[in-house]
């Protein structure tokens, strides 16, 4: 799975199509991600003993295939891949802008990868 937590994604399909959000949690076994402010559902909780009943709004996980990573350089959704650069280590490459992000420190590098 190429999407990690703390990444910013754009929703490409579903009821929240076009929304941006930060990935809160990743579930690689089921190929799902939890995105902030996306797929908000209403859950009704019944009264139990002395606890009053209530209505909660919560986010549910969506499939990772419905989201695309947002390129920090161009602010557009883009596909990504991984390349190995000897002096820089493992980096994540944005296919649209041809730039890379260092995986360990999560900072954008200005190196252009062909």
N, C-alpha and C. Protein backbone atom coordinates (compact mmCIF):
# COMPACT_ATOMS: atom_id res chain seq x y z
N UNK A 1 0.85 -1.17 0.00
CA UNK A 1 0.00 0.00 0.00
C UNK A 1 0.90 1.24 0.00
N UNK A 2 0.66 2.15 -0.93
CA UNK A 2 1.54 3.31 -1.09
C UNK A 2 1.11 4.51 -0.27
N UNK A 3 -0.09 4.49 0.28
CA UNK A 3 -0.55 5.60 1.12
C UNK A 3 -0.21 5.29 2.56
N UNK A 4 0.38 6.26 3.24
CA UNK A 4 0.78 6.11 4.64
C UNK A 4 -0.02 7.10 5.49
N UNK A 5 0.01 6.91 6.80
CA UNK A 5 -0.66 7.86 7.68
C UNK A 5 0.07 9.19 7.63
N UNK A 6 -0.65 10.26 7.89
CA UNK A 6 -0.17 11.65 7.83
C UNK A 6 -0.04 12.17 6.39
N UNK A 7 -0.34 11.37 5.36
CA UNK A 7 -0.33 11.85 3.98
C UNK A 7 -1.63 12.62 3.71
N UNK A 8 -1.59 13.52 2.74
CA UNK A 8 -2.79 14.23 2.32
C UNK A 8 -3.29 13.59 1.03
N UNK A 9 -4.58 13.24 1.01
CA UNK A 9 -5.16 12.55 -0.14
C UNK A 9 -6.37 13.31 -0.66
N UNK A 10 -6.72 13.02 -1.91
CA UNK A 10 -7.94 13.53 -2.56
C UNK A 10 -8.83 12.33 -2.84
N UNK A 11 -10.10 12.44 -2.50
CA UNK A 11 -11.04 11.36 -2.74
C UNK A 11 -11.49 11.43 -4.20
N UNK A 12 -11.33 10.32 -4.92
CA UNK A 12 -11.61 10.28 -6.35
C UNK A 12 -12.95 9.65 -6.69
N UNK A 13 -13.55 8.91 -5.76
CA UNK A 13 -14.82 8.23 -6.04
C UNK A 13 -15.64 8.14 -4.77
N UNK A 14 -16.93 8.03 -4.93
CA UNK A 14 -17.83 7.88 -3.78
C UNK A 14 -18.59 9.16 -3.48
N UNK A 15 -19.27 9.18 -2.34
CA UNK A 15 -20.12 10.32 -2.00
C UNK A 15 -19.32 11.57 -1.64
N UNK A 16 -18.07 11.42 -1.27
CA UNK A 16 -17.22 12.56 -0.90
C UNK A 16 -16.21 12.90 -1.98
N UNK A 17 -16.54 12.64 -3.24
CA UNK A 17 -15.62 12.86 -4.35
C UNK A 17 -15.17 14.32 -4.40
N UNK A 18 -13.85 14.52 -4.50
CA UNK A 18 -13.28 15.86 -4.60
C UNK A 18 -12.80 16.45 -3.29
N UNK A 19 -13.10 15.82 -2.16
CA UNK A 19 -12.67 16.34 -0.86
C UNK A 19 -11.21 15.98 -0.60
N UNK A 20 -10.53 16.85 0.14
CA UNK A 20 -9.16 16.60 0.58
C UNK A 20 -9.19 16.27 2.06
N UNK A 21 -8.20 15.51 2.51
CA UNK A 21 -8.11 15.21 3.92
C UNK A 21 -6.81 14.52 4.26
N UNK A 22 -6.49 14.53 5.55
CA UNK A 22 -5.28 13.88 6.03
C UNK A 22 -5.63 12.46 6.46
N UNK A 23 -4.75 11.53 6.14
CA UNK A 23 -4.96 10.13 6.50
C UNK A 23 -4.66 9.96 7.98
N UNK A 24 -5.65 9.50 8.74
CA UNK A 24 -5.48 9.30 10.17
C UNK A 24 -4.93 7.92 10.50
N UNK A 25 -5.42 6.91 9.79
CA UNK A 25 -5.00 5.55 10.08
C UNK A 25 -5.07 4.73 8.81
N UNK A 26 -4.18 3.74 8.70
CA UNK A 26 -4.11 2.88 7.53
C UNK A 26 -4.34 1.44 7.98
N UNK A 27 -5.19 0.72 7.24
CA UNK A 27 -5.46 -0.69 7.52
C UNK A 27 -4.98 -1.51 6.32
N UNK A 28 -3.70 -1.93 6.28
CA UNK A 28 -3.16 -2.59 5.09
C UNK A 28 -3.75 -3.97 4.81
N UNK A 29 -4.23 -4.67 5.82
CA UNK A 29 -4.78 -6.01 5.60
C UNK A 29 -6.06 -5.94 4.78
N UNK A 30 -6.91 -4.95 5.08
CA UNK A 30 -8.17 -4.81 4.36
C UNK A 30 -8.10 -3.78 3.24
N UNK A 31 -6.94 -3.13 3.04
CA UNK A 31 -6.72 -2.12 2.01
C UNK A 31 -7.66 -0.94 2.19
N UNK A 32 -7.80 -0.47 3.43
CA UNK A 32 -8.67 0.66 3.74
C UNK A 32 -7.88 1.74 4.46
N UNK A 33 -8.38 2.99 4.34
CA UNK A 33 -7.76 4.11 5.03
C UNK A 33 -8.85 4.92 5.73
N UNK A 34 -8.48 5.58 6.83
CA UNK A 34 -9.38 6.45 7.57
C UNK A 34 -8.92 7.87 7.32
N UNK A 35 -9.78 8.68 6.68
CA UNK A 35 -9.43 10.04 6.28
C UNK A 35 -10.25 11.02 7.10
N UNK A 36 -9.59 12.09 7.52
CA UNK A 36 -10.22 13.10 8.36
C UNK A 36 -11.30 13.86 7.58
N UNK A 37 -12.53 13.85 8.10
CA UNK A 37 -13.63 14.59 7.49
C UNK A 37 -14.29 13.93 6.29
N UNK A 38 -13.97 12.67 6.02
CA UNK A 38 -14.50 11.97 4.86
C UNK A 38 -15.27 10.74 5.34
N UNK A 39 -16.38 10.43 4.66
CA UNK A 39 -17.25 9.29 4.97
C UNK A 39 -17.77 9.37 6.41
N UNK A 40 -18.33 10.53 6.75
CA UNK A 40 -18.89 10.74 8.08
C UNK A 40 -20.27 10.11 8.13
N UNK A 41 -20.48 9.25 9.12
CA UNK A 41 -21.75 8.56 9.29
C UNK A 41 -22.33 8.90 10.66
N UNK A 42 -23.64 8.72 10.80
CA UNK A 42 -24.34 8.98 12.04
C UNK A 42 -24.62 7.65 12.73
N UNK A 43 -24.25 7.55 14.00
CA UNK A 43 -24.48 6.34 14.77
C UNK A 43 -25.38 6.67 15.95
N UNK A 44 -26.50 5.95 16.09
CA UNK A 44 -27.43 6.15 17.19
C UNK A 44 -27.11 5.14 18.28
N UNK A 45 -26.94 5.64 19.49
CA UNK A 45 -26.64 4.76 20.63
C UNK A 45 -27.85 4.75 21.56
N UNK A 46 -28.30 3.55 21.87
CA UNK A 46 -29.48 3.36 22.70
C UNK A 46 -29.14 3.65 24.17
N UNK A 47 -30.14 4.07 24.93
CA UNK A 47 -29.98 4.31 26.35
C UNK A 47 -29.67 3.00 27.07
N UNK A 48 -28.65 3.05 27.95
CA UNK A 48 -28.28 1.85 28.70
C UNK A 48 -28.14 2.22 30.18
N UNK A 49 -29.09 1.77 30.97
CA UNK A 49 -29.04 2.06 32.40
C UNK A 49 -29.15 3.56 32.67
N UNK A 50 -28.13 4.11 33.32
CA UNK A 50 -28.16 5.54 33.64
C UNK A 50 -27.56 6.40 32.54
N UNK A 51 -26.94 5.78 31.53
CA UNK A 51 -26.35 6.53 30.42
C UNK A 51 -27.43 6.91 29.42
N UNK A 52 -27.47 8.18 29.07
CA UNK A 52 -28.49 8.66 28.14
C UNK A 52 -28.16 8.21 26.71
N UNK A 53 -29.20 8.09 25.90
CA UNK A 53 -29.00 7.79 24.50
C UNK A 53 -28.41 9.00 23.77
N UNK A 54 -27.71 8.76 22.69
CA UNK A 54 -27.08 9.87 21.98
C UNK A 54 -26.88 9.55 20.50
N UNK A 55 -26.62 10.60 19.76
CA UNK A 55 -26.33 10.46 18.34
C UNK A 55 -24.90 10.92 18.11
N UNK A 56 -24.08 10.05 17.55
CA UNK A 56 -22.67 10.35 17.31
C UNK A 56 -22.41 10.48 15.82
N UNK A 57 -21.54 11.38 15.45
CA UNK A 57 -21.06 11.47 14.07
C UNK A 57 -19.61 10.98 14.08
N UNK A 58 -19.32 9.98 13.26
CA UNK A 58 -17.99 9.39 13.24
C UNK A 58 -17.56 9.11 11.82
N UNK A 59 -16.24 9.01 11.62
CA UNK A 59 -15.69 8.72 10.30
C UNK A 59 -15.47 7.22 10.18
N UNK A 60 -15.77 6.70 9.00
CA UNK A 60 -15.53 5.29 8.74
C UNK A 60 -14.47 5.17 7.65
N UNK A 61 -13.83 4.02 7.60
CA UNK A 61 -12.75 3.79 6.64
C UNK A 61 -13.31 3.66 5.23
N UNK A 62 -12.51 4.11 4.25
CA UNK A 62 -12.86 3.95 2.85
C UNK A 62 -11.77 3.11 2.18
N UNK A 63 -12.07 2.60 1.01
CA UNK A 63 -11.09 1.79 0.30
C UNK A 63 -9.97 2.69 -0.22
N UNK A 64 -8.75 2.21 -0.16
CA UNK A 64 -7.59 2.99 -0.57
C UNK A 64 -7.58 3.27 -2.06
N UNK A 65 -8.28 2.44 -2.84
CA UNK A 65 -8.31 2.66 -4.29
C UNK A 65 -9.16 3.87 -4.67
N UNK A 66 -9.98 4.37 -3.74
CA UNK A 66 -10.81 5.53 -4.01
C UNK A 66 -10.11 6.84 -3.68
N UNK A 67 -8.85 6.79 -3.26
CA UNK A 67 -8.11 7.99 -2.89
C UNK A 67 -6.80 8.06 -3.67
N UNK A 68 -6.36 9.29 -3.97
CA UNK A 68 -5.07 9.52 -4.61
C UNK A 68 -4.28 10.49 -3.77
N UNK A 69 -2.98 10.27 -3.73
CA UNK A 69 -2.10 11.13 -2.97
C UNK A 69 -2.04 12.52 -3.60
N UNK A 70 -2.02 13.56 -2.76
CA UNK A 70 -1.94 14.93 -3.23
C UNK A 70 -0.47 15.34 -3.28
N UNK A 71 -0.01 15.76 -4.46
CA UNK A 71 1.38 16.17 -4.63
C UNK A 71 1.60 17.50 -3.91
N UNK A 72 2.59 17.60 -3.03
CA UNK A 72 2.80 18.86 -2.31
C UNK A 72 3.38 19.97 -3.19
N UNK A 73 3.91 19.62 -4.35
CA UNK A 73 4.52 20.61 -5.22
C UNK A 73 3.50 21.26 -6.14
N UNK A 74 2.60 20.47 -6.72
CA UNK A 74 1.64 20.98 -7.69
C UNK A 74 0.22 21.09 -7.13
N UNK A 75 -0.04 20.54 -5.93
CA UNK A 75 -1.37 20.52 -5.31
C UNK A 75 -2.41 19.83 -6.18
N UNK A 76 -1.97 18.80 -6.93
CA UNK A 76 -2.87 18.01 -7.76
C UNK A 76 -2.76 16.54 -7.35
N UNK A 77 -3.84 15.75 -7.56
CA UNK A 77 -3.73 14.32 -7.27
C UNK A 77 -2.79 13.65 -8.26
N UNK A 78 -1.99 12.72 -7.76
CA UNK A 78 -0.99 12.10 -8.61
C UNK A 78 -0.74 10.66 -8.18
N UNK A 79 -0.23 9.88 -9.13
CA UNK A 79 0.21 8.52 -8.82
C UNK A 79 1.62 8.61 -8.24
N UNK A 80 2.01 7.58 -7.51
CA UNK A 80 3.34 7.59 -6.92
C UNK A 80 4.04 6.28 -7.17
N UNK A 81 5.34 6.30 -7.04
CA UNK A 81 6.15 5.11 -7.16
C UNK A 81 7.35 5.26 -6.25
N UNK A 82 8.12 4.23 -6.11
CA UNK A 82 9.30 4.27 -5.26
C UNK A 82 10.54 4.09 -6.12
N UNK A 83 11.56 4.88 -5.84
CA UNK A 83 12.83 4.75 -6.51
C UNK A 83 13.93 4.69 -5.45
N UNK A 84 15.04 4.07 -5.81
CA UNK A 84 16.16 3.96 -4.88
C UNK A 84 17.29 4.83 -5.41
N UNK A 85 17.66 5.83 -4.65
CA UNK A 85 18.77 6.70 -4.99
C UNK A 85 19.86 6.43 -3.98
N UNK A 86 21.08 6.18 -4.44
CA UNK A 86 22.15 5.74 -3.55
C UNK A 86 22.47 6.76 -2.46
N UNK A 87 22.61 8.04 -2.83
CA UNK A 87 22.99 9.02 -1.83
C UNK A 87 21.82 9.49 -0.97
N UNK A 88 20.58 9.26 -1.43
CA UNK A 88 19.43 9.73 -0.68
C UNK A 88 18.64 8.60 0.00
N UNK A 89 18.81 7.37 -0.40
CA UNK A 89 18.06 6.26 0.18
C UNK A 89 16.74 6.05 -0.53
N UNK A 90 15.78 5.43 0.14
CA UNK A 90 14.47 5.12 -0.44
C UNK A 90 13.63 6.39 -0.49
N UNK A 91 13.12 6.76 -1.66
CA UNK A 91 12.30 7.96 -1.79
C UNK A 91 11.01 7.64 -2.51
N UNK A 92 9.99 8.43 -2.22
CA UNK A 92 8.69 8.32 -2.87
C UNK A 92 8.66 9.32 -4.02
N UNK A 93 8.34 8.87 -5.22
CA UNK A 93 8.38 9.72 -6.40
C UNK A 93 6.96 10.02 -6.86
N UNK A 94 6.68 11.30 -7.09
CA UNK A 94 5.40 11.71 -7.64
C UNK A 94 5.51 11.69 -9.15
N UNK A 95 4.66 10.95 -9.82
CA UNK A 95 4.78 10.73 -11.26
C UNK A 95 4.44 11.97 -12.07
N UNK A 96 3.54 12.80 -11.59
CA UNK A 96 3.11 13.96 -12.37
C UNK A 96 4.17 15.06 -12.37
N UNK A 97 4.72 15.38 -11.19
CA UNK A 97 5.68 16.47 -11.11
C UNK A 97 7.12 15.99 -11.20
N UNK A 98 7.35 14.68 -11.20
CA UNK A 98 8.68 14.07 -11.29
C UNK A 98 9.58 14.49 -10.13
N UNK A 99 9.01 14.84 -9.00
CA UNK A 99 9.79 15.19 -7.82
C UNK A 99 9.66 14.09 -6.79
N UNK A 100 10.49 14.17 -5.77
CA UNK A 100 10.53 13.10 -4.78
C UNK A 100 10.36 13.67 -3.38
N UNK A 101 9.86 12.81 -2.49
CA UNK A 101 9.74 13.14 -1.08
C UNK A 101 10.53 12.11 -0.30
N UNK A 102 11.36 12.54 0.61
CA UNK A 102 12.15 11.63 1.44
C UNK A 102 11.21 10.91 2.39
N UNK A 103 11.29 9.60 2.46
CA UNK A 103 10.37 8.80 3.28
C UNK A 103 10.62 8.97 4.77
N UNK A 104 11.86 9.03 5.19
CA UNK A 104 12.18 9.03 6.62
C UNK A 104 11.76 10.32 7.32
N UNK A 105 12.03 11.46 6.69
CA UNK A 105 11.79 12.74 7.36
C UNK A 105 10.50 13.42 6.90
N UNK A 106 9.85 12.90 5.88
CA UNK A 106 8.59 13.43 5.36
C UNK A 106 8.73 14.89 4.90
N UNK A 107 9.87 15.26 4.34
CA UNK A 107 10.06 16.61 3.83
C UNK A 107 10.28 16.55 2.33
N UNK A 108 9.82 17.56 1.63
CA UNK A 108 9.92 17.58 0.17
C UNK A 108 11.35 17.94 -0.24
N UNK A 109 11.90 17.17 -1.12
CA UNK A 109 13.22 17.46 -1.70
C UNK A 109 13.00 18.03 -3.09
N UNK A 110 13.91 18.85 -3.53
CA UNK A 110 13.80 19.45 -4.86
C UNK A 110 14.50 18.65 -5.94
N UNK A 111 14.86 17.42 -5.62
CA UNK A 111 15.53 16.62 -6.65
C UNK A 111 14.50 16.15 -7.67
N UNK A 112 14.87 16.22 -8.93
CA UNK A 112 14.00 15.79 -10.02
C UNK A 112 14.49 14.43 -10.50
N UNK A 113 13.59 13.46 -10.57
CA UNK A 113 13.94 12.10 -10.95
C UNK A 113 13.38 11.83 -12.34
N UNK A 114 14.17 11.30 -13.20
CA UNK A 114 13.72 11.00 -14.57
C UNK A 114 13.07 9.65 -14.62
